[in-house]
Amino acid sequence: MEIGHLISLGAKDSCEFFHDPFKGKSDEGRVRKVLKVEPLPDGSGHFFNLSVQNKLINLDESIYIPVTKAEFAVFISTFNYILPYLLGWHTFANSIRPEGESRANARSGVENEWNR
């Protein structure tokens, strides 16, 4: 779902993702990971802010990364490419053949021209 939010993010849009690895367990709330994506004030890209708070080891760190429109476009292109693999759709797509391919090969008994 998070990749979908990033892919659909407009030039003036922002989003925030929260993760607690101990959600539903006794240490819930002790580790907090937040990724915020906000537009840069001049409209030249987005600002990525990743912060991690870990009360178990007294850690509180943040990293701020400005990302230009061109860099963000590369992210989107990469996400669009890997998404079918993450969802397992590539397995289905690789298993189907174009219409008529299997019948033509069965009738002629020859290999596909591309495999020669």
Protein backbone atom coordinates (compact mmCIF):
# COMPACT_ATOMS: atom_id res chain seq x y z
CA MET A 1 0.00 0.00 0.00
CA GLU A 2 2.84 2.39 0.80
CA ILE A 3 4.35 2.09 -2.68
CA GLY A 4 0.94 2.93 -4.14
CA HIS A 5 0.82 6.10 -2.05
CA LEU A 6 4.29 7.12 -3.23
CA ILE A 7 3.52 6.35 -6.89
CA SER A 8 0.38 8.50 -6.78
CA LEU A 9 2.01 11.37 -4.87
CA GLY A 10 1.54 14.70 -6.63
CA ALA A 11 3.99 17.59 -6.66
CA LYS A 12 2.26 19.30 -3.72
CA ASP A 13 1.15 16.17 -1.84
CA SER A 14 2.62 14.66 1.29
CA CYS A 15 2.28 11.35 3.11
CA GLU A 16 3.39 9.65 6.29
CA PHE A 17 3.98 5.99 7.12
CA PHE A 18 4.25 4.58 10.62
CA HIS A 19 5.63 1.19 11.69
CA ASP A 20 5.80 -0.43 15.12
CA PRO A 21 7.54 -3.83 14.89
CA PHE A 22 6.09 -4.79 18.27
CA LYS A 23 2.47 -3.88 17.55
CA GLY A 24 0.18 -6.20 19.49
CA LYS A 25 3.01 -7.39 21.75
CA SER A 26 4.19 -6.39 25.20
CA ASP A 27 6.81 -3.95 23.83
CA GLU A 28 4.30 -2.10 21.64
CA GLY A 29 5.15 1.60 21.35
CA ARG A 30 8.77 1.16 22.41
CA VAL A 31 10.08 1.23 18.83
CA ARG A 32 8.63 3.75 16.42
CA LYS A 33 9.62 4.18 12.78
CA VAL A 34 8.16 7.04 10.72
CA LEU A 35 8.73 7.99 7.09
CA LYS A 36 7.40 11.40 6.06
CA VAL A 37 7.41 12.63 2.48
CA GLU A 38 6.64 16.33 2.01
CA PRO A 39 6.97 18.70 -0.94
CA LEU A 40 9.95 21.02 -0.94
CA PRO A 41 8.91 24.67 -0.40
CA ASP A 42 10.15 25.75 -3.84
CA GLY A 43 8.34 22.88 -5.60
CA SER A 44 11.57 21.33 -6.91
CA GLY A 45 10.91 17.90 -5.40
CA HIS A 46 10.13 16.18 -2.13
CA PHE A 47 11.71 15.97 1.29
CA PHE A 48 12.09 12.46 2.78
CA ASN A 49 12.38 12.27 6.57
CA LEU A 50 13.01 8.89 8.22
CA SER A 51 12.97 8.89 12.00
CA VAL A 52 13.50 5.98 14.37
CA GLN A 53 12.82 6.05 18.09
CA ASN A 54 13.86 2.98 20.04
CA LYS A 55 13.21 3.29 23.78
CA LEU A 56 14.72 -0.16 24.35
CA ILE A 57 18.23 1.13 23.52
CA ASN A 58 17.70 4.89 23.98
CA LEU A 59 17.95 5.68 20.26
CA ASP A 60 16.35 8.69 18.61
CA GLU A 61 17.66 9.40 15.12
CA SER A 62 16.41 11.10 11.98
CA ILE A 63 17.71 11.43 8.47
CA TYR A 64 16.52 14.12 6.07
CA ILE A 65 16.97 13.69 2.32
CA PRO A 66 15.85 16.22 -0.30
CA VAL A 67 14.83 14.43 -3.52
CA THR A 68 14.55 16.34 -6.79
CA LYS A 69 11.69 15.82 -9.27
CA ALA A 70 14.05 13.87 -11.54
CA GLU A 71 15.21 11.60 -8.71
CA PHE A 72 11.61 11.07 -7.62
CA ALA A 73 10.71 10.11 -11.22
CA VAL A 74 13.42 7.43 -11.07
CA PHE A 75 11.90 6.13 -7.80
CA ILE A 76 8.46 5.95 -9.42
CA SER A 77 9.83 4.14 -12.48
CA THR A 78 11.66 1.65 -10.25
CA PHE A 79 8.56 1.06 -8.11
CA ASN A 80 6.43 0.50 -11.22
CA TYR A 81 8.94 -2.07 -12.45
CA ILE A 82 9.33 -4.04 -9.20
CA LEU A 83 5.70 -3.97 -8.07
CA PRO A 84 4.55 -6.97 -10.19
CA TYR A 85 7.49 -8.97 -8.79
CA LEU A 86 6.65 -8.03 -5.20
CA LEU A 87 3.05 -9.14 -5.77
CA GLY A 88 4.04 -12.31 -7.62
CA TRP A 89 2.23 -11.31 -10.83
CA HIS A 90 5.33 -12.04 -12.90
CA THR A 91 4.81 -15.77 -12.27
CA PHE A 92 1.40 -15.66 -13.90
CA ALA A 93 2.54 -13.40 -16.74
CA ASN A 94 5.46 -15.72 -17.53
CA SER A 95 3.18 -18.77 -17.57
CA ILE A 96 0.79 -17.56 -20.28
CA ARG A 97 1.49 -17.58 -24.01
CA PRO A 98 0.21 -15.22 -26.65
CA GLU A 99 -2.95 -16.43 -28.37
CA GLY A 100 -2.22 -18.92 -31.13
CA GLU A 101 1.41 -19.57 -30.19
CA SER A 102 0.86 -23.03 -28.73
CA ARG A 103 -1.43 -24.12 -31.59
CA ALA A 104 1.00 -22.99 -34.30
CA ASN A 105 3.88 -24.84 -32.66
CA ALA A 106 1.79 -27.98 -32.21
CA ARG A 107 0.66 -28.03 -35.86
CA SER A 108 4.05 -27.39 -37.45
CA GLY A 109 6.20 -29.22 -34.93
CA VAL A 110 8.87 -26.50 -35.24
CA GLU A 111 10.40 -24.37 -32.53
CA ASN A 112 9.48 -20.78 -32.14
CA GLU A 113 11.51 -18.63 -34.56
CA TRP A 114 12.95 -16.67 -31.64
CA ASN A 115 14.47 -19.79 -30.07
CA ARG A 116 16.61 -20.72 -33.15
